[in-house]
Amino acid sequence: MLAVVKIAGQQFKVQEGQSLYVPHLQGKTGDKVEFSDVLFVDNAGAVSVGSAVKATVKAEIVSDLVQGDKVIAFKMKRRKGFRKKHGHRTHYTRIKIESIA
């Protein structure tokens, strides 16, 4: 079974048993989360799209806070002495899909 689910404004293609990193969710390790905004479901060739989808995706939080790679934003104007360096590390949550029902 395959589903496309919207999590924190981004779309993810998920299957049962899959583990993935999503934008940071509130909760602790071991908590159960449920996503009801499912956009597409493929169940052994039976495809449901849009408002015809009546499914929810249930998952468990494996790691509650994972930091991504450092991203550097560097601005510079030549011959002016202007240099500005900003950096950040995006926070993610690792979840494991338990069921698509």
Foldseek 3Di string as FASTA:
>chain_A
DWWWFADPNDIDIDDAFDKDKDAADDDAAFDKDKGQRIAWDADPNDIDGDPRDGKMWMKGWHHRWDWADKDKDWDDDPPPPDIDIDIDTGIITMIHTHDID
